[in-house]
């Protein structure tokens, strides 16, 4: 395995911790601490408890990782969307 090669696993967020860290339980039963990747922060992708995520980790430290993808929830996509607040370009006087 090359030094730069990272391993990817899927799991679910079991706990939200301080400093933008999360406790993730992988599908194989292993628990680890993960932080949000910079692209997710930049695009303001929020992660909450119960979300399915893809975690990237180094083969040298299997207790820490980086959340690189949050999977869409099927339950949220099937329901009607709540109405948007604020009228766009309308200004209050």
C-alpha atoms as a PDB file:
ATOM      1  CA  UNK A   1       0.000   0.000   0.000  1.00  0.00           C
ATOM      2  CA  UNK A   2       1.393   3.397  -0.954  1.00  0.00           C
ATOM      3  CA  UNK A   3       1.966   6.020   1.712  1.00  0.00           C
ATOM      4  CA  UNK A   4      -0.529   8.447   0.160  1.00  0.00           C
ATOM      5  CA  UNK A   5      -3.241   5.831  -0.333  1.00  0.00           C
ATOM      6  CA  UNK A   6      -6.208   6.394   1.979  1.00  0.00           C
ATOM      7  CA  UNK A   7      -8.937   3.929   2.903  1.00  0.00           C
ATOM      8  CA  UNK A   8     -12.633   4.804   2.626  1.00  0.00           C
ATOM      9  CA  UNK A   9     -15.361   3.362   4.840  1.00  0.00           C
ATOM     10  CA  UNK A  10     -19.052   4.024   5.326  1.00  0.00           C
ATOM     11  CA  UNK A  11     -20.753   4.485   8.654  1.00  0.00           C
ATOM     12  CA  UNK A  12     -23.164   6.600  10.629  1.00  0.00           C
ATOM     13  CA  UNK A  13     -22.621   9.524  12.980  1.00  0.00           C
ATOM     14  CA  UNK A  14     -23.377   8.341  16.510  1.00  0.00           C
ATOM     15  CA  UNK A  15     -22.436  11.502  18.435  1.00  0.00           C
ATOM     16  CA  UNK A  16     -21.637  15.152  17.737  1.00  0.00           C
ATOM     17  CA  UNK A  17     -18.584  16.308  19.704  1.00  0.00           C
ATOM     18  CA  UNK A  18     -17.130  19.802  20.330  1.00  0.00           C
ATOM     19  CA  UNK A  19     -14.729  21.446  17.831  1.00  0.00           C
ATOM     20  CA  UNK A  20     -16.597  20.152  14.755  1.00  0.00           C
ATOM     21  CA  UNK A  21     -15.730  16.529  15.462  1.00  0.00           C
ATOM     22  CA  UNK A  22     -17.974  13.491  15.302  1.00  0.00           C
ATOM     23  CA  UNK A  23     -17.984   9.970  16.711  1.00  0.00           C
ATOM     24  CA  UNK A  24     -18.648   7.665  13.751  1.00  0.00           C
ATOM     25  CA  UNK A  25     -19.614   4.003  13.979  1.00  0.00           C
ATOM     26  CA  UNK A  26     -18.458   2.216  10.839  1.00  0.00           C
ATOM     27  CA  UNK A  27     -20.428  -0.571   9.185  1.00  0.00           C
ATOM     28  CA  UNK A  28     -17.851  -3.106  10.401  1.00  0.00           C
ATOM     29  CA  UNK A  29     -18.515  -2.106  14.053  1.00  0.00           C
ATOM     30  CA  UNK A  30     -15.379   0.006  14.613  1.00  0.00           C
ATOM     31  CA  UNK A  31     -15.856   3.421  16.289  1.00  0.00           C
ATOM     32  CA  UNK A  32     -13.649   6.388  15.470  1.00  0.00           C
ATOM     33  CA  UNK A  33     -13.385  10.171  15.767  1.00  0.00           C
ATOM     34  CA  UNK A  34     -13.776  12.113  12.511  1.00  0.00           C
ATOM     35  CA  UNK A  35     -13.739  15.750  11.454  1.00  0.00           C
ATOM     36  CA  UNK A  36     -15.433  17.460   8.527  1.00  0.00           C
ATOM     37  CA  UNK A  37     -13.409  17.900   5.333  1.00  0.00           C
ATOM     38  CA  UNK A  38     -12.685  21.423   4.122  1.00  0.00           C
ATOM     39  CA  UNK A  39     -14.886  21.100   1.015  1.00  0.00           C
ATOM     40  CA  UNK A  40     -17.860  20.231   3.213  1.00  0.00           C
ATOM     41  CA  UNK A  41     -17.190  23.275   5.398  1.00  0.00           C
ATOM     42  CA  UNK A  42     -16.789  25.490   2.340  1.00  0.00           C
ATOM     43  CA  UNK A  43     -20.103  24.331   0.864  1.00  0.00           C
ATOM     44  CA  UNK A  44     -21.823  24.528   4.285  1.00  0.00           C
ATOM     45  CA  UNK A  45     -22.845  20.870   4.392  1.00  0.00           C
ATOM     46  CA  UNK A  46     -24.125  20.213   7.894  1.00  0.00           C
ATOM     47  CA  UNK A  47     -23.731  16.829   9.572  1.00  0.00           C
ATOM     48  CA  UNK A  48     -25.965  15.726  12.429  1.00  0.00           C
ATOM     49  CA  UNK A  49     -26.379  12.613  14.523  1.00  0.00           C
ATOM     50  CA  UNK A  50     -27.728   9.676  12.530  1.00  0.00           C
ATOM     51  CA  UNK A  51     -26.383  10.804   9.136  1.00  0.00           C
ATOM     52  CA  UNK A  52     -24.790   8.212   6.848  1.00  0.00           C
ATOM     53  CA  UNK A  53     -21.277   9.350   5.905  1.00  0.00           C
ATOM     54  CA  UNK A  54     -18.201   8.218   4.002  1.00  0.00           C
ATOM     55  CA  UNK A  55     -15.002   8.471   6.039  1.00  0.00           C
ATOM     56  CA  UNK A  56     -11.451   8.618   4.705  1.00  0.00           C
ATOM     57  CA  UNK A  57      -8.659   7.383   6.959  1.00  0.00           C
ATOM     58  CA  UNK A  58      -4.965   6.592   6.915  1.00  0.00           C
ATOM     59  CA  UNK A  59      -3.882   2.974   7.355  1.00  0.00           C
ATOM     60  CA  UNK A  60      -1.453   4.152  10.062  1.00  0.00           C
ATOM     61  CA  UNK A  61      -4.055   5.597  12.470  1.00  0.00           C
ATOM     62  CA  UNK A  62      -7.385   3.781  12.471  1.00  0.00           C
ATOM     63  CA  UNK A  63      -8.897   5.869  15.288  1.00  0.00           C
ATOM     64  CA  UNK A  64      -9.081   9.170  13.383  1.00  0.00           C
ATOM     65  CA  UNK A  65     -10.557  10.100  10.029  1.00  0.00           C
ATOM     66  CA  UNK A  66     -12.075  12.770   7.796  1.00  0.00           C
ATOM     67  CA  UNK A  67     -15.726  12.875   6.718  1.00  0.00           C
ATOM     68  CA  UNK A  68     -15.654  13.431   2.964  1.00  0.00           C
ATOM     69  CA  UNK A  69     -19.280  12.780   1.982  1.00  0.00           C
ATOM     70  CA  UNK A  70     -22.709  12.916   3.641  1.00  0.00           C
ATOM     71  CA  UNK A  71     -25.201  10.585   1.988  1.00  0.00           C
ATOM     72  CA  UNK A  72     -28.665  11.905   1.211  1.00  0.00           C
ATOM     73  CA  UNK A  73     -31.412  10.662   3.490  1.00  0.00           C
ATOM     74  CA  UNK A  74     -34.215   8.872   1.630  1.00  0.00           C
ATOM     75  CA  UNK A  75     -36.793   9.916   4.234  1.00  0.00           C
ATOM     76  CA  UNK A  76     -36.085  13.642   3.809  1.00  0.00           C
ATOM     77  CA  UNK A  77     -36.210  13.492  -0.005  1.00  0.00           C
ATOM     78  CA  UNK A  78     -39.646  11.826  -0.156  1.00  0.00           C
ATOM     79  CA  UNK A  79     -41.561  14.366   1.969  1.00  0.00           C
ATOM     80  CA  UNK A  80     -42.810  17.778   0.840  1.00  0.00           C
ATOM     81  CA  UNK A  81     -40.387  20.620   1.188  1.00  0.00           C
ATOM     82  CA  UNK A  82     -41.234  23.361   3.705  1.00  0.00           C
ATOM     83  CA  UNK A  83     -41.923  26.825   2.252  1.00  0.00           C
ATOM     84  CA  UNK A  84     -38.969  29.198   1.950  1.00  0.00           C
ATOM     85  CA  UNK A  85     -38.890  32.194   4.277  1.00  0.00           C
ATOM     86  CA  UNK A  86     -37.879  35.691   3.275  1.00  0.00           C
ATOM     87  CA  UNK A  87     -39.155  36.950  -0.044  1.00  0.00           C
ATOM     88  CA  UNK A  88     -35.939  36.971  -2.044  1.00  0.00           C
ATOM     89  CA  UNK A  89     -35.439  40.556  -3.263  1.00  0.00           C
ATOM     90  CA  UNK A  90     -38.292  42.073  -1.260  1.00  0.00           C
ATOM     91  CA  UNK A  91     -37.192  44.670   1.269  1.00  0.00           C
ATOM     92  CA  UNK A  92     -38.982  45.761   4.402  1.00  0.00           C
ATOM     93  CA  UNK A  93     -39.462  49.426   5.069  1.00  0.00           C
END
